[in-house]
Amino acid sequence: MWTIPNILTVARLALLPVMIALFFLPFSWAAWTCLGLYALGSISDFLDGWIARRYNQHSEFGAMMDPISDKIFVVTIMLMLVAVGRIDGLMVLSVVVIIVREFTVSGLREYLGPKGIKMPVTKLAKWKTTLQMVALGFLIVGPFVPLALWAGNGALLGAAALTVMTGWGYLKAGLDHIKKMA
């Protein structure tokens, strides 16, 4: 069970309490440290899957926990940013769209997976994740970097647009599979 990918997955969650504590401190060093931990967590999201594939370290625990860890990590950061107003007004809709899509696609995968139907991650979805990660990074240090809030919110809008596009694609594919099973 304690493979490198699984350790990375659990470590991503373990970063959150420290990140939360740092995030709410009113000091630039705390924001930069939080950004560093966020970057580590984001990189671990890529590395755990890559290492599992490259070194054949797949496990049931990792297959179950990695997507859950990813969602908890990203949703927590988004909610922190909303809580302090770095994402506000209509931009909160971007967060809602992203969260709804994440859980909808995860639900479809959970439902279809045991039936032998895979819904692989698309290239566009990888771009969405990358843009989302960049957006959140800018927003974490927003008050301490000129134009970071603007850049972060712009990237978040782009991520939300890609979220709608990829979410629709996954939803359509999932519903097509469900219709075929009926």
C-alpha atoms as a PDB file:
ATOM      1  CA  MET A   1       0.000   0.000   0.000  1.00  0.00           C
ATOM      2  CA  TRP A   2       2.756   2.484   0.804  1.00  0.00           C
ATOM      3  CA  THR A   3       4.044   2.989  -2.694  1.00  0.00           C
ATOM      4  CA  ILE A   4       5.539   6.318  -3.748  1.00  0.00           C
ATOM      5  CA  PRO A   5       2.364   7.336  -5.636  1.00  0.00           C
ATOM      6  CA  ASN A   6       0.206   6.587  -2.589  1.00  0.00           C
ATOM      7  CA  ILE A   7       2.547   8.529  -0.310  1.00  0.00           C
ATOM      8  CA  LEU A   8       2.327  11.513  -2.678  1.00  0.00           C
ATOM      9  CA  THR A   9      -1.471  11.277  -2.719  1.00  0.00           C
ATOM     10  CA  VAL A  10      -1.703  11.262   1.085  1.00  0.00           C
ATOM     11  CA  ALA A  11       0.970  13.977   1.390  1.00  0.00           C
ATOM     12  CA  ARG A  12      -1.124  16.265  -0.829  1.00  0.00           C
ATOM     13  CA  LEU A  13      -3.912  16.084   1.750  1.00  0.00           C
ATOM     14  CA  ALA A  14      -1.464  16.491   4.631  1.00  0.00           C
ATOM     15  CA  LEU A  15      -0.324  19.822   3.137  1.00  0.00           C
ATOM     16  CA  LEU A  16      -3.793  21.335   3.467  1.00  0.00           C
ATOM     17  CA  PRO A  17      -3.890  22.134   7.222  1.00  0.00           C
ATOM     18  CA  VAL A  18      -0.533  23.922   6.976  1.00  0.00           C
ATOM     19  CA  MET A  19      -1.638  25.753   3.824  1.00  0.00           C
ATOM     20  CA  ILE A  20      -4.890  26.835   5.458  1.00  0.00           C
ATOM     21  CA  ALA A  21      -3.051  28.205   8.499  1.00  0.00           C
ATOM     22  CA  LEU A  22      -0.545  30.088   6.319  1.00  0.00           C
ATOM     23  CA  PHE A  23      -3.168  31.379   3.908  1.00  0.00           C
ATOM     24  CA  PHE A  24      -5.073  33.300   6.551  1.00  0.00           C
ATOM     25  CA  LEU A  25      -1.985  35.040   7.953  1.00  0.00           C
ATOM     26  CA  PRO A  26      -1.668  38.658   6.734  1.00  0.00           C
ATOM     27  CA  PHE A  27       2.024  38.386   5.769  1.00  0.00           C
ATOM     28  CA  SER A  28       3.590  38.120   2.331  1.00  0.00           C
ATOM     29  CA  TRP A  29       6.004  35.396   3.518  1.00  0.00           C
ATOM     30  CA  ALA A  30       2.995  33.280   4.538  1.00  0.00           C
ATOM     31  CA  ALA A  31       1.378  33.707   1.105  1.00  0.00           C
ATOM     32  CA  TRP A  32       4.617  32.773  -0.660  1.00  0.00           C
ATOM     33  CA  THR A  33       5.097  29.738   1.586  1.00  0.00           C
ATOM     34  CA  CYS A  34       1.485  28.743   0.931  1.00  0.00           C
ATOM     35  CA  LEU A  35       2.154  29.115  -2.815  1.00  0.00           C
ATOM     36  CA  GLY A  36       5.236  26.893  -2.501  1.00  0.00           C
ATOM     37  CA  LEU A  37       3.219  24.200  -0.731  1.00  0.00           C
ATOM     38  CA  TYR A  38       0.460  24.590  -3.309  1.00  0.00           C
ATOM     39  CA  ALA A  39       3.030  24.092  -6.084  1.00  0.00           C
ATOM     40  CA  LEU A  40       4.299  20.937  -4.346  1.00  0.00           C
ATOM     41  CA  GLY A  41       0.747  19.637  -4.046  1.00  0.00           C
ATOM     42  CA  SER A  42       0.021  20.432  -7.687  1.00  0.00           C
ATOM     43  CA  ILE A  43       3.221  18.751  -8.873  1.00  0.00           C
ATOM     44  CA  SER A  44       2.430  15.705  -6.734  1.00  0.00           C
ATOM     45  CA  ASP A  45      -0.891  15.460  -8.601  1.00  0.00           C
ATOM     46  CA  PHE A  46       1.074  14.893 -11.811  1.00  0.00           C
ATOM     47  CA  LEU A  47       3.858  12.803 -10.274  1.00  0.00           C
ATOM     48  CA  ASP A  48       1.726  10.230  -8.461  1.00  0.00           C
ATOM     49  CA  GLY A  49       0.070   9.100 -11.684  1.00  0.00           C
ATOM     50  CA  TRP A  50       3.257   9.260 -13.732  1.00  0.00           C
ATOM     51  CA  ILE A  51       5.221   7.194 -11.195  1.00  0.00           C
ATOM     52  CA  ALA A  52       2.383   4.673 -10.878  1.00  0.00           C
ATOM     53  CA  ARG A  53       2.348   4.155 -14.664  1.00  0.00           C
ATOM     54  CA  ARG A  54       6.107   4.310 -15.205  1.00  0.00           C
ATOM     55  CA  TYR A  55       7.047   1.930 -12.391  1.00  0.00           C
ATOM     56  CA  ASN A  56       3.894  -0.193 -12.372  1.00  0.00           C
ATOM     57  CA  GLN A  57       2.928   0.910  -8.862  1.00  0.00           C
ATOM     58  CA  HIS A  58      -0.821   0.837  -9.388  1.00  0.00           C
ATOM     59  CA  SER A  59      -2.973   0.016  -6.375  1.00  0.00           C
ATOM     60  CA  GLU A  60      -6.652  -0.068  -5.493  1.00  0.00           C
ATOM     61  CA  PHE A  61      -5.973   2.493  -2.777  1.00  0.00           C
ATOM     62  CA  GLY A  62      -4.316   4.865  -5.255  1.00  0.00           C
ATOM     63  CA  ALA A  63      -7.026   4.391  -7.874  1.00  0.00           C
ATOM     64  CA  MET A  64      -9.650   5.280  -5.278  1.00  0.00           C
ATOM     65  CA  MET A  65      -7.806   7.922  -3.254  1.00  0.00           C
ATOM     66  CA  ASP A  66      -5.969   9.937  -5.933  1.00  0.00           C
ATOM     67  CA  PRO A  67      -9.066  11.490  -7.536  1.00  0.00           C
ATOM     68  CA  ILE A  68     -10.570  12.135  -4.097  1.00  0.00           C
ATOM     69  CA  SER A  69      -7.355  13.787  -2.919  1.00  0.00           C
ATOM     70  CA  ASP A  70      -7.235  15.919  -6.077  1.00  0.00           C
ATOM     71  CA  LYS A  71     -10.792  17.152  -5.562  1.00  0.00           C
ATOM     72  CA  ILE A  72     -10.325  17.888  -1.853  1.00  0.00           C
ATOM     73  CA  PHE A  73      -7.087  19.777  -2.578  1.00  0.00           C
ATOM     74  CA  VAL A  74      -8.502  21.992  -5.338  1.00  0.00           C
ATOM     75  CA  VAL A  75     -11.924  22.584  -3.758  1.00  0.00           C
ATOM     76  CA  THR A  76     -10.331  23.562  -0.435  1.00  0.00           C
ATOM     77  CA  ILE A  77      -8.083  26.121  -2.140  1.00  0.00           C
ATOM     78  CA  MET A  78     -11.017  27.547  -4.112  1.00  0.00           C
ATOM     79  CA  LEU A  79     -13.172  27.870  -1.005  1.00  0.00           C
ATOM     80  CA  MET A  80     -10.332  29.605   0.856  1.00  0.00           C
ATOM     81  CA  LEU A  81     -10.010  32.100  -2.001  1.00  0.00           C
ATOM     82  CA  VAL A  82     -13.761  32.733  -1.992  1.00  0.00           C
ATOM     83  CA  ALA A  83     -13.746  33.118   1.810  1.00  0.00           C
ATOM     84  CA  VAL A  84     -11.288  36.028   1.656  1.00  0.00           C
ATOM     85  CA  GLY A  85     -12.809  37.659  -1.426  1.00  0.00           C
ATOM     86  CA  ARG A  86     -10.020  36.957  -3.912  1.00  0.00           C
ATOM     87  CA  ILE A  87     -12.695  35.220  -5.919  1.00  0.00           C
ATOM     88  CA  ASP A  88     -15.886  37.220  -5.563  1.00  0.00           C
ATOM     89  CA  GLY A  89     -19.014  38.429  -7.294  1.00  0.00           C
ATOM     90  CA  LEU A  90     -19.835  36.641 -10.520  1.00  0.00           C
ATOM     91  CA  MET A  91     -16.416  34.948 -10.464  1.00  0.00           C
ATOM     92  CA  VAL A  92     -17.807  32.661  -7.758  1.00  0.00           C
ATOM     93  CA  LEU A  93     -19.862  31.078 -10.559  1.00  0.00           C
ATOM     94  CA  SER A  94     -16.576  29.861 -12.057  1.00  0.00           C
ATOM     95  CA  VAL A  95     -15.867  28.029  -8.819  1.00  0.00           C
ATOM     96  CA  VAL A  96     -19.367  26.535  -8.756  1.00  0.00           C
ATOM     97  CA  VAL A  97     -19.041  25.390 -12.384  1.00  0.00           C
ATOM     98  CA  ILE A  98     -15.656  23.783 -11.702  1.00  0.00           C
ATOM     99  CA  ILE A  99     -16.820  22.020  -8.533  1.00  0.00           C
ATOM    100  CA  VAL A 100     -20.051  20.731 -10.113  1.00  0.00           C
ATOM    101  CA  ARG A 101     -18.151  19.422 -13.139  1.00  0.00           C
ATOM    102  CA  GLU A 102     -15.510  17.698 -10.977  1.00  0.00           C
ATOM    103  CA  PHE A 103     -18.062  15.814  -8.925  1.00  0.00           C
ATOM    104  CA  THR A 104     -20.308  15.025 -11.903  1.00  0.00           C
ATOM    105  CA  VAL A 105     -17.450  13.525 -13.911  1.00  0.00           C
ATOM    106  CA  SER A 106     -16.177  11.649 -10.849  1.00  0.00           C
ATOM    107  CA  GLY A 107     -19.660  10.260 -10.264  1.00  0.00           C
ATOM    108  CA  LEU A 108     -19.925   9.102 -13.871  1.00  0.00           C
ATOM    109  CA  ARG A 109     -16.528   7.408 -13.634  1.00  0.00           C
ATOM    110  CA  GLU A 110     -17.512   5.713 -10.368  1.00  0.00           C
ATOM    111  CA  TYR A 111     -20.761   4.473 -11.880  1.00  0.00           C
ATOM    112  CA  LEU A 112     -19.358   3.322 -15.221  1.00  0.00           C
ATOM    113  CA  GLY A 113     -16.007   1.955 -14.007  1.00  0.00           C
ATOM    114  CA  PRO A 114     -17.350  -1.233 -12.401  1.00  0.00           C
ATOM    115  CA  LYS A 115     -19.262  -1.886 -15.625  1.00  0.00           C
ATOM    116  CA  GLY A 116     -15.959  -1.963 -17.520  1.00  0.00           C
ATOM    117  CA  ILE A 117     -16.419   1.442 -19.143  1.00  0.00           C
ATOM    118  CA  LYS A 118     -13.473   3.811 -18.942  1.00  0.00           C
ATOM    119  CA  MET A 119     -13.687   7.556 -19.380  1.00  0.00           C
ATOM    120  CA  PRO A 120     -10.066   8.558 -19.960  1.00  0.00           C
ATOM    121  CA  VAL A 121      -8.824  12.064 -19.291  1.00  0.00           C
ATOM    122  CA  THR A 122      -8.770  14.143 -22.477  1.00  0.00           C
ATOM    123  CA  LYS A 123      -5.993  16.517 -23.544  1.00  0.00           C
ATOM    124  CA  LEU A 124      -8.409  19.427 -23.214  1.00  0.00           C
ATOM    125  CA  ALA A 125      -9.170  18.357 -19.633  1.00  0.00           C
ATOM    126  CA  LYS A 126      -5.429  18.355 -18.896  1.00  0.00           C
ATOM    127  CA  TRP A 127      -5.235  21.922 -20.218  1.00  0.00           C
ATOM    128  CA  LYS A 128      -8.195  22.816 -18.001  1.00  0.00           C
ATOM    129  CA  THR A 129      -6.422  21.432 -14.961  1.00  0.00           C
ATOM    130  CA  THR A 130      -3.196  23.253 -15.833  1.00  0.00           C
ATOM    131  CA  LEU A 131      -4.965  26.587 -16.330  1.00  0.00           C
ATOM    132  CA  GLN A 132      -6.913  26.064 -13.100  1.00  0.00           C
ATOM    133  CA  MET A 133      -3.703  25.339 -11.160  1.00  0.00           C
ATOM    134  CA  VAL A 134      -2.031  28.467 -12.573  1.00  0.00           C
ATOM    135  CA  ALA A 135      -5.106  30.565 -11.731  1.00  0.00           C
ATOM    136  CA  LEU A 136      -5.204  29.398  -8.127  1.00  0.00           C
ATOM    137  CA  GLY A 137      -1.470  30.007  -7.739  1.00  0.00           C
ATOM    138  CA  PHE A 138      -1.859  33.629  -8.865  1.00  0.00           C
ATOM    139  CA  LEU A 139      -4.822  34.097  -6.542  1.00  0.00           C
ATOM    140  CA  ILE A 140      -2.979  32.695  -3.509  1.00  0.00           C
ATOM    141  CA  VAL A 141      -0.390  35.499  -3.720  1.00  0.00           C
ATOM    142  CA  GLY A 142      -2.833  38.008  -5.219  1.00  0.00           C
ATOM    143  CA  PRO A 143      -2.615  40.799  -2.638  1.00  0.00           C
ATOM    144  CA  PHE A 144       1.189  40.765  -2.699  1.00  0.00           C
ATOM    145  CA  VAL A 145       1.859  40.770  -6.463  1.00  0.00           C
ATOM    146  CA  PRO A 146       0.718  43.509  -8.854  1.00  0.00           C
ATOM    147  CA  LEU A 147      -1.862  42.229 -11.362  1.00  0.00           C
ATOM    148  CA  ALA A 148      -1.892  38.719  -9.823  1.00  0.00           C
ATOM    149  CA  LEU A 149      -5.581  38.939  -8.897  1.00  0.00           C
ATOM    150  CA  TRP A 150      -6.404  40.099 -12.411  1.00  0.00           C
ATOM    151  CA  ALA A 151      -4.293  37.334 -13.998  1.00  0.00           C
ATOM    152  CA  GLY A 152      -5.673  34.719 -11.612  1.00  0.00           C
ATOM    153  CA  ASN A 153      -9.289  35.636 -12.248  1.00  0.00           C
ATOM    154  CA  GLY A 154      -8.672  35.753 -16.005  1.00  0.00           C
ATOM    155  CA  ALA A 155      -7.091  32.299 -15.926  1.00  0.00           C
ATOM    156  CA  LEU A 156      -9.952  31.068 -13.745  1.00  0.00           C
ATOM    157  CA  LEU A 157     -12.461  32.280 -16.345  1.00  0.00           C
ATOM    158  CA  GLY A 158     -10.523  30.380 -19.001  1.00  0.00           C
ATOM    159  CA  ALA A 159     -10.460  27.284 -16.811  1.00  0.00           C
ATOM    160  CA  ALA A 160     -14.219  27.606 -16.246  1.00  0.00           C
ATOM    161  CA  ALA A 161     -14.810  27.799 -20.011  1.00  0.00           C
ATOM    162  CA  LEU A 162     -12.707  24.661 -20.546  1.00  0.00           C
ATOM    163  CA  THR A 163     -14.556  23.095 -17.613  1.00  0.00           C
ATOM    164  CA  VAL A 164     -17.896  23.571 -19.378  1.00  0.00           C
ATOM    165  CA  MET A 165     -16.515  22.186 -22.644  1.00  0.00           C
ATOM    166  CA  THR A 166     -14.877  19.120 -21.102  1.00  0.00           C
ATOM    167  CA  GLY A 167     -17.737  18.572 -18.669  1.00  0.00           C
ATOM    168  CA  TRP A 168     -20.219  18.513 -21.536  1.00  0.00           C
ATOM    169  CA  GLY A 169     -18.035  16.040 -23.433  1.00  0.00           C
ATOM    170  CA  TYR A 170     -17.755  13.695 -20.458  1.00  0.00           C
ATOM    171  CA  LEU A 171     -21.456  14.017 -19.627  1.00  0.00           C
ATOM    172  CA  LYS A 172     -22.494  13.258 -23.201  1.00  0.00           C
ATOM    173  CA  ALA A 173     -20.138  10.256 -23.402  1.00  0.00           C
ATOM    174  CA  GLY A 174     -21.298   8.971 -20.013  1.00  0.00           C
ATOM    175  CA  LEU A 175     -24.986   9.300 -20.848  1.00  0.00           C
ATOM    176  CA  ASP A 176     -24.404   7.572 -24.207  1.00  0.00           C
ATOM    177  CA  HIS A 177     -22.850   4.619 -22.355  1.00  0.00           C
ATOM    178  CA  ILE A 178     -25.736   4.537 -19.878  1.00  0.00           C
ATOM    179  CA  LYS A 179     -28.298   4.539 -22.725  1.00  0.00           C
ATOM    180  CA  LYS A 180     -26.505   1.605 -24.375  1.00  0.00           C
ATOM    181  CA  MET A 181     -26.694  -0.359 -21.124  1.00  0.00           C
ATOM    182  CA  ALA A 182     -30.453   0.194 -20.756  1.00  0.00           C
END
